[in-house]
Amino acid sequence: MKKTILLLFSAFTISMGTYAQDVQQALIEAVQAKNLDAVKKVVEELKADVNKPWDNKAVGKPYAIHMACKTIPASLDIVNYLLEKGAKLDV
């Protein structure tokens, strides 16, 4: 778990111009890894926006809540957490 969190935070050493997208990427990656602790850190400490997609040409513009629901099996803890933080389902 420490390794995953360390990898997420190491992604933020690049320029501030892409910081917001890097935070969104970290959120998506934490969701895909089903790591609730990492999701909480990215949202609470790095201020990831739960209603902003990660803009990635290869995968489109995924939203964290959609990725949490699509991950098989879905991580209900992460889905509930994102909803508590204001994630919208109709984005």
N, C-alpha and C. Protein backbone atom coordinates (compact mmCIF):
# COMPACT_ATOMS: atom_id res chain seq x y z
N MET A 1 0.82 -1.19 0.00
CA MET A 1 0.00 0.00 0.00
C MET A 1 0.87 1.25 0.00
N LYS A 2 1.94 1.26 0.80
CA LYS A 2 2.82 2.41 0.83
C LYS A 2 3.43 2.66 -0.54
N LYS A 3 3.72 1.58 -1.26
CA LYS A 3 4.29 1.69 -2.59
C LYS A 3 3.34 2.42 -3.54
N THR A 4 2.06 2.05 -3.48
CA THR A 4 1.05 2.68 -4.34
C THR A 4 0.93 4.17 -4.04
N ILE A 5 0.87 4.51 -2.78
CA ILE A 5 0.73 5.91 -2.39
C ILE A 5 1.97 6.68 -2.80
N LEU A 6 3.15 6.09 -2.62
CA LEU A 6 4.39 6.75 -3.01
C LEU A 6 4.41 7.00 -4.51
N LEU A 7 3.96 6.03 -5.29
CA LEU A 7 3.92 6.21 -6.74
C LEU A 7 2.96 7.32 -7.13
N LEU A 8 1.83 7.40 -6.47
CA LEU A 8 0.87 8.46 -6.77
C LEU A 8 1.46 9.83 -6.49
N PHE A 9 2.14 9.98 -5.38
CA PHE A 9 2.68 11.28 -5.02
C PHE A 9 3.91 11.65 -5.84
N SER A 10 4.64 10.66 -6.33
CA SER A 10 5.82 10.96 -7.13
C SER A 10 5.44 11.56 -8.48
N ALA A 11 4.22 11.35 -8.91
CA ALA A 11 3.76 11.89 -10.19
C ALA A 11 3.60 13.40 -10.16
N PHE A 12 3.67 14.01 -8.99
CA PHE A 12 3.38 15.43 -8.87
C PHE A 12 4.62 16.31 -8.79
N THR A 13 5.75 15.77 -9.20
CA THR A 13 6.98 16.55 -9.17
C THR A 13 7.22 17.30 -10.48
N ILE A 14 6.30 17.20 -11.41
CA ILE A 14 6.47 17.89 -12.69
C ILE A 14 5.86 19.28 -12.63
N SER A 15 5.92 19.99 -13.72
CA SER A 15 5.55 21.41 -13.75
C SER A 15 4.12 21.66 -13.29
N MET A 16 3.90 22.85 -12.76
CA MET A 16 2.58 23.23 -12.24
C MET A 16 1.54 23.34 -13.35
N GLY A 17 1.95 23.55 -14.58
CA GLY A 17 1.00 23.68 -15.68
C GLY A 17 0.14 22.45 -15.88
N THR A 18 0.66 21.30 -15.56
CA THR A 18 -0.10 20.06 -15.73
C THR A 18 -0.51 19.45 -14.40
N TYR A 19 -0.33 20.18 -13.33
CA TYR A 19 -0.62 19.65 -11.99
C TYR A 19 -2.06 19.17 -11.86
N ALA A 20 -3.02 19.97 -12.32
CA ALA A 20 -4.43 19.60 -12.17
C ALA A 20 -4.75 18.28 -12.87
N GLN A 21 -4.23 18.10 -14.07
CA GLN A 21 -4.48 16.85 -14.79
C GLN A 21 -3.76 15.68 -14.12
N ASP A 22 -2.58 15.94 -13.55
CA ASP A 22 -1.87 14.88 -12.84
C ASP A 22 -2.64 14.43 -11.60
N VAL A 23 -3.27 15.39 -10.92
CA VAL A 23 -4.08 15.04 -9.75
C VAL A 23 -5.26 14.20 -10.20
N GLN A 24 -5.89 14.58 -11.29
CA GLN A 24 -7.03 13.80 -11.79
C GLN A 24 -6.57 12.41 -12.22
N GLN A 25 -5.41 12.32 -12.84
CA GLN A 25 -4.86 11.02 -13.23
C GLN A 25 -4.61 10.16 -12.00
N ALA A 26 -4.05 10.75 -10.97
CA ALA A 26 -3.78 10.02 -9.73
C ALA A 26 -5.08 9.51 -9.11
N LEU A 27 -6.14 10.32 -9.20
CA LEU A 27 -7.43 9.91 -8.67
C LEU A 27 -7.95 8.70 -9.44
N ILE A 28 -7.91 8.76 -10.76
CA ILE A 28 -8.38 7.64 -11.59
C ILE A 28 -7.56 6.39 -11.30
N GLU A 29 -6.25 6.54 -11.20
CA GLU A 29 -5.40 5.37 -10.94
C GLU A 29 -5.66 4.77 -9.56
N ALA A 30 -5.91 5.61 -8.57
CA ALA A 30 -6.23 5.10 -7.24
C ALA A 30 -7.56 4.36 -7.25
N VAL A 31 -8.53 4.89 -8.00
CA VAL A 31 -9.83 4.22 -8.13
C VAL A 31 -9.66 2.88 -8.81
N GLN A 32 -8.91 2.86 -9.91
CA GLN A 32 -8.70 1.60 -10.64
C GLN A 32 -7.99 0.57 -9.78
N ALA A 33 -7.10 1.03 -8.91
CA ALA A 33 -6.38 0.12 -8.02
C ALA A 33 -7.23 -0.31 -6.83
N LYS A 34 -8.42 0.26 -6.72
CA LYS A 34 -9.34 -0.02 -5.61
C LYS A 34 -8.70 0.28 -4.26
N ASN A 35 -7.96 1.38 -4.22
CA ASN A 35 -7.23 1.76 -3.02
C ASN A 35 -7.91 2.98 -2.38
N LEU A 36 -8.81 2.71 -1.45
CA LEU A 36 -9.59 3.77 -0.81
C LEU A 36 -8.69 4.77 -0.09
N ASP A 37 -7.65 4.30 0.57
CA ASP A 37 -6.75 5.22 1.28
C ASP A 37 -6.09 6.19 0.30
N ALA A 38 -5.65 5.69 -0.85
CA ALA A 38 -5.04 6.56 -1.85
C ALA A 38 -6.06 7.53 -2.44
N VAL A 39 -7.28 7.06 -2.67
CA VAL A 39 -8.35 7.94 -3.18
C VAL A 39 -8.58 9.08 -2.19
N LYS A 40 -8.67 8.75 -0.91
CA LYS A 40 -8.88 9.78 0.11
C LYS A 40 -7.73 10.79 0.13
N LYS A 41 -6.51 10.32 0.04
CA LYS A 41 -5.36 11.24 0.05
C LYS A 41 -5.38 12.17 -1.15
N VAL A 42 -5.68 11.63 -2.32
CA VAL A 42 -5.70 12.47 -3.53
C VAL A 42 -6.82 13.51 -3.44
N VAL A 43 -7.97 13.12 -2.93
CA VAL A 43 -9.10 14.05 -2.83
C VAL A 43 -8.88 15.07 -1.72
N GLU A 44 -8.50 14.60 -0.56
CA GLU A 44 -8.42 15.48 0.61
C GLU A 44 -7.13 16.30 0.68
N GLU A 45 -6.01 15.70 0.34
CA GLU A 45 -4.74 16.41 0.46
C GLU A 45 -4.32 17.11 -0.82
N LEU A 46 -4.56 16.47 -1.95
CA LEU A 46 -4.16 17.07 -3.22
C LEU A 46 -5.29 17.82 -3.90
N LYS A 47 -6.48 17.76 -3.28
CA LYS A 47 -7.64 18.53 -3.75
C LYS A 47 -8.11 18.15 -5.15
N ALA A 48 -8.10 16.86 -5.46
CA ALA A 48 -8.66 16.41 -6.73
C ALA A 48 -10.15 16.72 -6.76
N ASP A 49 -10.64 17.12 -7.90
CA ASP A 49 -12.05 17.44 -8.09
C ASP A 49 -12.78 16.17 -8.49
N VAL A 50 -13.71 15.71 -7.65
CA VAL A 50 -14.41 14.45 -7.93
C VAL A 50 -15.36 14.56 -9.12
N ASN A 51 -15.60 15.77 -9.61
CA ASN A 51 -16.48 15.96 -10.76
C ASN A 51 -15.74 16.44 -12.00
N LYS A 52 -14.43 16.27 -12.02
CA LYS A 52 -13.64 16.67 -13.17
C LYS A 52 -13.04 15.42 -13.79
N PRO A 53 -13.16 15.28 -15.12
CA PRO A 53 -12.58 14.09 -15.74
C PRO A 53 -11.07 14.22 -15.90
N TRP A 54 -10.43 13.09 -16.08
CA TRP A 54 -9.02 13.08 -16.44
C TRP A 54 -8.97 13.14 -17.95
N ASP A 55 -8.38 14.16 -18.51
CA ASP A 55 -8.33 14.35 -19.96
C ASP A 55 -7.13 13.60 -20.52
N ASN A 56 -7.39 12.43 -21.09
CA ASN A 56 -6.34 11.57 -21.62
C ASN A 56 -6.75 11.12 -23.01
N LYS A 57 -5.92 11.42 -24.00
CA LYS A 57 -6.25 11.08 -25.39
C LYS A 57 -6.43 9.59 -25.61
N ALA A 58 -5.69 8.78 -24.87
CA ALA A 58 -5.75 7.33 -25.06
C ALA A 58 -7.03 6.71 -24.51
N VAL A 59 -7.54 7.26 -23.42
CA VAL A 59 -8.71 6.64 -22.78
C VAL A 59 -9.93 7.55 -22.75
N GLY A 60 -9.85 8.71 -23.33
CA GLY A 60 -10.98 9.64 -23.33
C GLY A 60 -10.94 10.53 -22.10
N LYS A 61 -12.09 10.78 -21.53
CA LYS A 61 -12.20 11.64 -20.36
C LYS A 61 -12.98 10.93 -19.26
N PRO A 62 -12.34 9.96 -18.61
CA PRO A 62 -13.05 9.22 -17.56
C PRO A 62 -13.24 10.03 -16.28
N TYR A 63 -14.39 9.86 -15.67
CA TYR A 63 -14.68 10.43 -14.35
C TYR A 63 -14.42 9.35 -13.30
N ALA A 64 -13.97 9.76 -12.14
CA ALA A 64 -13.65 8.81 -11.07
C ALA A 64 -14.86 7.96 -10.69
N ILE A 65 -16.03 8.57 -10.56
CA ILE A 65 -17.22 7.82 -10.15
C ILE A 65 -17.57 6.75 -11.19
N HIS A 66 -17.44 7.07 -12.47
CA HIS A 66 -17.72 6.09 -13.51
C HIS A 66 -16.72 4.94 -13.46
N MET A 67 -15.44 5.29 -13.24
CA MET A 67 -14.42 4.25 -13.17
C MET A 67 -14.64 3.36 -11.96
N ALA A 68 -15.06 3.94 -10.85
CA ALA A 68 -15.32 3.15 -9.64
C ALA A 68 -16.45 2.17 -9.87
N CYS A 69 -17.45 2.59 -10.62
CA CYS A 69 -18.60 1.71 -10.90
C CYS A 69 -18.25 0.64 -11.93
N LYS A 70 -17.36 0.96 -12.86
CA LYS A 70 -16.98 0.03 -13.92
C LYS A 70 -15.98 -1.02 -13.48
N THR A 71 -15.22 -0.72 -12.45
CA THR A 71 -14.20 -1.65 -11.98
C THR A 71 -14.91 -2.90 -11.47
N ILE A 72 -14.52 -4.04 -12.01
CA ILE A 72 -15.20 -5.30 -11.69
C ILE A 72 -14.39 -6.05 -10.66
N PRO A 73 -14.93 -6.46 -9.54
CA PRO A 73 -16.21 -5.98 -9.02
C PRO A 73 -16.06 -4.55 -8.51
N ALA A 74 -17.12 -3.83 -8.57
CA ALA A 74 -17.10 -2.43 -8.15
C ALA A 74 -16.71 -2.31 -6.68
N SER A 75 -15.95 -1.27 -6.38
CA SER A 75 -15.54 -1.02 -5.00
C SER A 75 -16.57 -0.09 -4.38
N LEU A 76 -17.51 -0.65 -3.65
CA LEU A 76 -18.61 0.14 -3.09
C LEU A 76 -18.11 1.16 -2.09
N ASP A 77 -17.02 0.86 -1.38
CA ASP A 77 -16.46 1.83 -0.44
C ASP A 77 -16.01 3.09 -1.19
N ILE A 78 -15.37 2.90 -2.33
CA ILE A 78 -14.89 4.04 -3.12
C ILE A 78 -16.07 4.78 -3.74
N VAL A 79 -17.04 4.05 -4.26
CA VAL A 79 -18.24 4.68 -4.83
C VAL A 79 -18.93 5.53 -3.76
N ASN A 80 -19.15 4.97 -2.59
CA ASN A 80 -19.79 5.72 -1.49
C ASN A 80 -18.98 6.93 -1.09
N TYR A 81 -17.66 6.79 -0.99
CA TYR A 81 -16.80 7.90 -0.61
C TYR A 81 -16.90 9.04 -1.64
N LEU A 82 -16.82 8.70 -2.92
CA LEU A 82 -16.91 9.72 -3.97
C LEU A 82 -18.26 10.43 -3.94
N LEU A 83 -19.32 9.67 -3.70
CA LEU A 83 -20.66 10.27 -3.60
C LEU A 83 -20.74 11.20 -2.39
N GLU A 84 -20.16 10.80 -1.27
CA GLU A 84 -20.13 11.65 -0.08
C GLU A 84 -19.38 12.96 -0.34
N LYS A 85 -18.39 12.89 -1.23
CA LYS A 85 -17.60 14.08 -1.55
C LYS A 85 -18.23 14.91 -2.67
N GLY A 86 -19.43 14.52 -3.09
CA GLY A 86 -20.18 15.32 -4.05
C GLY A 86 -20.10 14.88 -5.49
N ALA A 87 -19.59 13.69 -5.76
CA ALA A 87 -19.53 13.22 -7.14
C ALA A 87 -20.92 13.11 -7.73
N LYS A 88 -21.07 13.59 -8.95
CA LYS A 88 -22.35 13.55 -9.65
C LYS A 88 -22.37 12.35 -10.59
N LEU A 89 -23.51 11.72 -10.67
CA LEU A 89 -23.63 10.55 -11.53
C LEU A 89 -24.00 10.91 -12.97
N ASP A 90 -24.51 12.09 -13.17
CA ASP A 90 -25.01 12.48 -14.48
C ASP A 90 -24.03 13.32 -15.29
N VAL A 91 -22.75 13.14 -15.06
CA VAL A 91 -21.74 13.89 -15.82
C VAL A 91 -21.35 13.14 -17.05
